[in-house]
């Protein structure tokens, strides 16, 4: 929602560049206080190649997501991006030969059905420009695929480097990709609201990834994924709250009953897939 607001004031490349610069500075400062810096000398050529792949695909994820958000609504984007963790799970099955239970396959089918129902309802509903909406959905789909590739690369990198060191390298690499393309002079024209939105979006990258990593230290990955699955419903709730607090806030075309049903089906499919993961005792050695 904050990204949608700042998109009315800055272009996607500038927003993304600022986000990665702030993320790099904040994480570098945190690691510097702990005197913990990435040591890439002994990582090996294959690890450096994977680091490059992770950087490029995370950069592509951020860019395609914000471009998709420019053409669609926050609620639509949050529903469709639920395909990203499912694609990562499937890559684990087919690339890393990880187990995938029958319940998870059922959850995957439910999620796909939910996305189809939601998309059909939105494209057939009261949209001002269905073509623009379809383009936005396509961008979000690309964002989901690029995030899954990034996740696969990072999963391999975690065997040789700590998570925070990986993220610092990726943030710095993404900043180098976006800053030359950013329109830095446009920042001077931001008002107080614009700066508040931009700062929130910039810090969100560090805070979100930090909380996600910390959650994984205390809870199973499947349970964390289950909590993340409710993001679309949270987005819908906050959109409604913003309309009540700020009557001028425009959340985009309202969802009809079929679209709401589709969104709930997506959440249910994601929950079933996450919670249906086989326990360690069920995983063959």
Protein backbone atom coordinates (compact mmCIF):
# COMPACT_ATOMS: atom_id res chain seq x y z
CA UNK A 1 0.00 0.00 0.00
CA UNK A 2 2.88 2.35 0.80
CA UNK A 3 4.52 1.47 -2.50
CA UNK A 4 1.28 2.25 -4.30
CA UNK A 5 1.25 5.66 -2.62
CA UNK A 6 4.87 6.58 -3.41
CA UNK A 7 4.43 5.44 -7.05
CA UNK A 8 2.28 8.55 -7.54
CA UNK A 9 5.32 10.67 -6.66
CA UNK A 10 8.41 8.78 -7.91
CA UNK A 11 9.26 6.39 -10.73
CA UNK A 12 9.81 2.66 -9.97
CA UNK A 13 13.57 2.72 -10.66
CA UNK A 14 14.18 5.57 -8.20
CA UNK A 15 12.05 3.98 -5.49
CA UNK A 16 13.79 0.62 -5.86
CA UNK A 17 17.24 2.20 -5.94
CA UNK A 18 16.58 4.11 -2.71
CA UNK A 19 15.24 0.96 -1.03
CA UNK A 20 18.39 -1.02 -1.81
CA UNK A 21 20.76 1.80 -0.85
CA UNK A 22 19.09 2.22 2.54
CA UNK A 23 19.03 -1.56 3.06
CA UNK A 24 22.75 -1.77 2.26
CA UNK A 25 23.68 1.07 4.62
CA UNK A 26 21.55 -0.18 7.52
CA UNK A 27 22.68 -3.82 7.26
CA UNK A 28 26.33 -2.80 6.75
CA UNK A 29 26.16 -0.63 9.87
CA UNK A 30 24.65 -3.49 11.88
CA UNK A 31 27.30 -5.95 10.71
CA UNK A 32 30.02 -3.36 11.25
CA UNK A 33 29.01 -2.94 14.90
CA UNK A 34 29.39 -6.68 15.33
CA UNK A 35 32.61 -6.73 13.28
CA UNK A 36 31.07 -9.37 11.04
CA UNK A 37 31.81 -8.86 7.35
CA UNK A 38 31.23 -11.19 4.39
CA UNK A 39 34.30 -13.25 3.50
CA UNK A 40 33.99 -14.11 -0.16
CA UNK A 41 37.60 -15.08 -0.83
CA UNK A 42 37.06 -18.71 0.07
CA UNK A 43 33.52 -18.99 -1.26
CA UNK A 44 34.50 -20.50 -4.60
CA UNK A 45 33.59 -19.64 -8.17
CA UNK A 46 30.27 -21.50 -8.13
CA UNK A 47 29.16 -19.65 -4.98
CA UNK A 48 30.08 -16.28 -6.52
CA UNK A 49 28.09 -17.23 -9.62
CA UNK A 50 25.09 -18.13 -7.45
CA UNK A 51 25.48 -14.81 -5.63
CA UNK A 52 25.30 -13.03 -8.98
CA UNK A 53 22.20 -15.02 -9.97
CA UNK A 54 20.50 -14.25 -6.65
CA UNK A 55 21.30 -10.54 -7.01
CA UNK A 56 20.00 -10.24 -10.58
CA UNK A 57 16.80 -12.16 -9.89
CA UNK A 58 15.99 -10.34 -6.65
CA UNK A 59 16.51 -7.06 -8.51
CA UNK A 60 14.16 -8.33 -11.23
CA UNK A 61 11.66 -9.37 -8.56
CA UNK A 62 11.59 -5.92 -6.94
CA UNK A 63 11.30 -4.14 -10.29
CA UNK A 64 8.59 -6.35 -11.81
CA UNK A 65 6.57 -6.28 -8.58
CA UNK A 66 6.53 -2.50 -8.34
CA UNK A 67 5.78 -2.21 -12.08
CA UNK A 68 2.89 -4.64 -11.62
CA UNK A 69 1.67 -2.61 -8.66
CA UNK A 70 1.66 0.46 -10.93
CA UNK A 71 -0.95 -1.24 -13.13
CA UNK A 72 -2.99 -3.14 -10.56
CA UNK A 73 -4.05 -2.77 -6.90
CA UNK A 74 -2.26 -3.74 -3.65
CA UNK A 75 -4.88 -6.41 -2.90
CA UNK A 76 -4.55 -7.99 -6.35
CA UNK A 77 -0.76 -7.94 -6.14
CA UNK A 78 -0.72 -9.59 -2.71
CA UNK A 79 -3.08 -12.35 -3.81
CA UNK A 80 -1.16 -13.19 -6.99
CA UNK A 81 2.31 -13.03 -5.40
CA UNK A 82 1.27 -15.99 -3.23
CA UNK A 83 2.41 -18.08 -6.20
CA UNK A 84 6.03 -17.21 -5.36
CA UNK A 85 6.55 -19.43 -2.27
CA UNK A 86 4.62 -22.22 -4.00
CA UNK A 87 6.95 -22.04 -7.01
CA UNK A 88 9.89 -22.20 -4.62
CA UNK A 89 8.38 -25.26 -2.95
CA UNK A 90 7.90 -26.95 -6.33
CA UNK A 91 11.49 -26.15 -7.30
CA UNK A 92 12.56 -27.91 -4.12
CA UNK A 93 10.59 -30.97 -5.24
CA UNK A 94 11.87 -31.15 -8.80
CA UNK A 95 15.37 -29.68 -8.40
CA UNK A 96 16.41 -30.66 -4.87
CA UNK A 97 14.23 -33.80 -4.64
CA UNK A 98 12.51 -32.64 -1.46
CA UNK A 99 9.38 -34.51 -0.27
CA UNK A 100 5.95 -33.11 -1.13
CA UNK A 101 3.01 -34.82 0.55
CA UNK A 102 -0.39 -35.61 -0.95
CA UNK A 103 -1.94 -32.94 1.26
CA UNK A 104 0.49 -30.38 -0.15
CA UNK A 105 -0.46 -31.31 -3.71
CA UNK A 106 -4.10 -30.78 -2.76
CA UNK A 107 -3.19 -27.39 -1.28
CA UNK A 108 -1.31 -26.49 -4.46
CA UNK A 109 -4.35 -27.37 -6.59
CA UNK A 110 -6.59 -25.28 -4.32
CA UNK A 111 -4.21 -22.31 -4.59
CA UNK A 112 -4.07 -22.50 -8.40
CA UNK A 113 -7.88 -22.72 -8.52
CA UNK A 114 -8.12 -19.71 -6.21
CA UNK A 115 -5.78 -17.61 -8.36
CA UNK A 116 -7.77 -18.56 -11.50
CA UNK A 117 -11.06 -17.68 -9.80
CA UNK A 118 -9.73 -14.40 -8.43
CA UNK A 119 -8.18 -13.35 -11.77
CA UNK A 120 -11.30 -14.24 -13.74
CA UNK A 121 -13.49 -12.28 -11.32
CA UNK A 122 -11.25 -9.21 -11.49
CA UNK A 123 -10.83 -9.24 -15.27
CA UNK A 124 -14.56 -9.74 -15.75
CA UNK A 125 -15.56 -7.21 -13.09
CA UNK A 126 -15.89 -3.46 -12.93
CA UNK A 127 -12.36 -2.54 -13.97
CA UNK A 128 -11.70 0.72 -15.72
CA UNK A 129 -9.11 -0.82 -18.05
CA UNK A 130 -8.96 -4.65 -18.12
CA UNK A 131 -5.92 -4.55 -20.42
CA UNK A 132 -3.96 -2.47 -17.94
CA UNK A 133 -5.04 -4.77 -15.12
CA UNK A 134 -3.97 -7.84 -17.11
CA UNK A 135 -0.56 -6.28 -17.75
CA UNK A 136 -0.18 -5.67 -14.01
CA UNK A 137 -1.11 -9.26 -13.22
CA UNK A 138 1.44 -10.46 -15.77
CA UNK A 139 4.16 -8.41 -14.09
CA UNK A 140 3.25 -9.84 -10.69
CA UNK A 141 3.46 -13.35 -12.18
CA UNK A 142 6.97 -12.59 -13.46
CA UNK A 143 7.85 -11.24 -10.00
CA UNK A 144 6.74 -14.55 -8.47
CA UNK A 145 8.96 -16.55 -10.87
CA UNK A 146 12.02 -14.36 -10.32
CA UNK A 147 11.60 -14.56 -6.54
CA UNK A 148 11.49 -18.36 -6.74
CA UNK A 149 14.76 -18.40 -8.73
CA UNK A 150 16.32 -16.03 -6.20
CA UNK A 151 15.14 -18.29 -3.37
CA UNK A 152 16.71 -21.35 -4.99
CA UNK A 153 20.02 -19.55 -5.38
CA UNK A 154 20.00 -18.29 -1.80
CA UNK A 155 19.15 -21.74 -0.50
CA UNK A 156 22.34 -23.06 -2.07
CA UNK A 157 24.38 -20.09 -0.83
CA UNK A 158 23.31 -20.73 2.78
CA UNK A 159 25.55 -23.81 2.71
CA UNK A 160 28.66 -21.62 2.51
CA UNK A 161 27.68 -18.15 3.81
CA UNK A 162 25.56 -16.76 6.68
CA UNK A 163 22.21 -15.26 5.69
CA UNK A 164 23.09 -11.68 6.69
CA UNK A 165 26.32 -11.77 4.69
CA UNK A 166 24.43 -13.02 1.64
CA UNK A 167 21.81 -10.29 1.96
CA UNK A 168 24.42 -7.53 2.33
CA UNK A 169 26.12 -8.62 -0.91
CA UNK A 170 22.77 -8.87 -2.70
CA UNK A 171 21.55 -5.50 -1.43
CA UNK A 172 24.79 -3.82 -2.47
CA UNK A 173 24.70 -5.47 -5.88
CA UNK A 174 21.09 -4.42 -6.45
CA UNK A 175 21.89 -0.87 -5.36
CA UNK A 176 24.66 -0.74 -7.97
CA UNK A 177 22.19 -1.90 -10.62
CA UNK A 178 19.46 0.62 -9.81
CA UNK A 179 21.18 3.80 -8.62
CA UNK A 180 22.60 4.71 -12.08
CA UNK A 181 19.05 4.46 -13.46
CA UNK A 182 17.40 6.42 -10.65
CA UNK A 183 16.25 10.03 -10.94
CA UNK A 184 17.81 11.32 -7.72
CA UNK A 185 16.80 14.93 -8.42
CA UNK A 186 13.13 13.90 -8.08
CA UNK A 187 13.65 13.35 -4.35
CA UNK A 188 13.86 17.11 -3.85
CA UNK A 189 10.22 17.46 -4.89
CA UNK A 190 8.83 15.13 -2.23
CA UNK A 191 6.60 16.53 0.49
CA UNK A 192 6.39 15.21 4.06
CA UNK A 193 3.96 12.45 3.12
CA UNK A 194 6.13 11.38 0.21
CA UNK A 195 9.23 11.15 2.40
CA UNK A 196 7.33 9.20 5.04
CA UNK A 197 6.17 6.68 2.43
CA UNK A 198 9.64 6.38 0.90
CA UNK A 199 11.38 5.92 4.24
CA UNK A 200 8.82 3.30 5.25
CA UNK A 201 9.33 1.39 1.99
CA UNK A 202 13.12 1.61 2.34
CA UNK A 203 13.21 0.36 5.94
CA UNK A 204 10.59 -2.28 5.15
CA UNK A 205 13.13 -4.30 3.16
CA UNK A 206 15.53 -4.58 6.10
CA UNK A 207 12.83 -5.06 8.76
CA UNK A 208 10.82 -7.60 6.77
CA UNK A 209 13.80 -9.80 5.91
CA UNK A 210 15.18 -9.43 9.44
CA UNK A 211 11.90 -10.51 11.03
CA UNK A 212 11.55 -13.37 8.55
CA UNK A 213 15.04 -14.68 9.38
CA UNK A 214 14.42 -14.32 13.11
CA UNK A 215 11.10 -16.16 12.82
CA UNK A 216 12.86 -19.06 11.11
CA UNK A 217 15.19 -19.28 14.11
CA UNK A 218 12.25 -19.90 16.45
CA UNK A 219 9.64 -21.66 14.27
CA UNK A 220 9.42 -24.21 11.47
CA UNK A 221 9.56 -22.82 7.95
CA UNK A 222 6.14 -24.30 7.15
CA UNK A 223 4.56 -22.46 10.08
CA UNK A 224 6.20 -19.18 9.08
CA UNK A 225 4.90 -19.64 5.52
CA UNK A 226 1.43 -20.26 6.92
CA UNK A 227 1.50 -16.90 8.71
CA UNK A 228 2.70 -15.16 5.53
CA UNK A 229 -0.23 -16.70 3.65
CA UNK A 230 -2.68 -14.37 5.40
CA UNK A 231 -1.00 -11.28 3.89
CA UNK A 232 -3.70 -10.80 1.20
CA UNK A 233 -6.45 -10.75 3.83
CA UNK A 234 -4.42 -8.33 5.96
CA UNK A 235 -3.99 -6.08 2.91
CA UNK A 236 -7.74 -6.07 2.29
CA UNK A 237 -8.35 -5.22 5.93
CA UNK A 238 -5.85 -2.35 5.96
CA UNK A 239 -7.27 -0.99 2.72
CA UNK A 240 -10.69 -0.83 4.36
CA UNK A 241 -9.18 0.85 7.42
CA UNK A 242 -7.43 3.46 5.26
CA UNK A 243 -10.70 4.28 3.52
CA UNK A 244 -12.34 4.87 6.91
CA UNK A 245 -9.48 7.03 8.23
CA UNK A 246 -8.69 8.85 4.98
CA UNK A 247 -11.85 9.11 2.82
CA UNK A 248 -9.78 10.33 -0.15
CA UNK A 249 -7.72 7.13 -0.19
CA UNK A 250 -8.35 5.18 -3.42
CA UNK A 251 -7.77 1.41 -3.04
CA UNK A 252 -8.84 0.70 -6.62
CA UNK A 253 -11.94 -1.12 -7.88
CA UNK A 254 -13.74 -2.95 -5.04
CA UNK A 255 -13.71 -6.75 -4.88
CA UNK A 256 -16.97 -8.51 -5.67
CA UNK A 257 -18.11 -11.68 -3.89
CA UNK A 258 -16.41 -13.97 -6.43
CA UNK A 259 -13.07 -12.15 -6.10
CA UNK A 260 -13.26 -12.34 -2.30
CA UNK A 261 -14.00 -16.06 -2.55
CA UNK A 262 -11.01 -16.46 -4.88
CA UNK A 263 -8.73 -14.57 -2.45
CA UNK A 264 -9.87 -16.75 0.45
CA UNK A 265 -9.29 -19.85 -1.67
CA UNK A 266 -5.74 -18.70 -2.42
CA UNK A 267 -5.08 -18.23 1.29
CA UNK A 268 -6.61 -21.65 2.07
CA UNK A 269 -4.46 -23.32 -0.59
CA UNK A 270 -1.31 -21.67 0.71
CA UNK A 271 -2.14 -22.67 4.28
CA UNK A 272 -2.84 -26.29 3.31
CA UNK A 273 0.41 -26.51 1.37
CA UNK A 274 2.46 -24.98 4.20
CA UNK A 275 0.88 -26.92 7.05
CA UNK A 276 0.71 -30.14 5.06
CA UNK A 277 4.50 -30.47 4.89
CA UNK A 278 5.65 -33.89 6.12
CA UNK A 279 7.24 -33.94 9.54
CA UNK A 280 10.89 -34.86 9.87
CA UNK A 281 9.87 -38.29 11.05
CA UNK A 282 8.00 -38.81 7.77
CA UNK A 283 10.85 -37.67 5.55
CA UNK A 284 12.87 -40.63 4.25
CA UNK A 285 16.55 -40.58 5.20
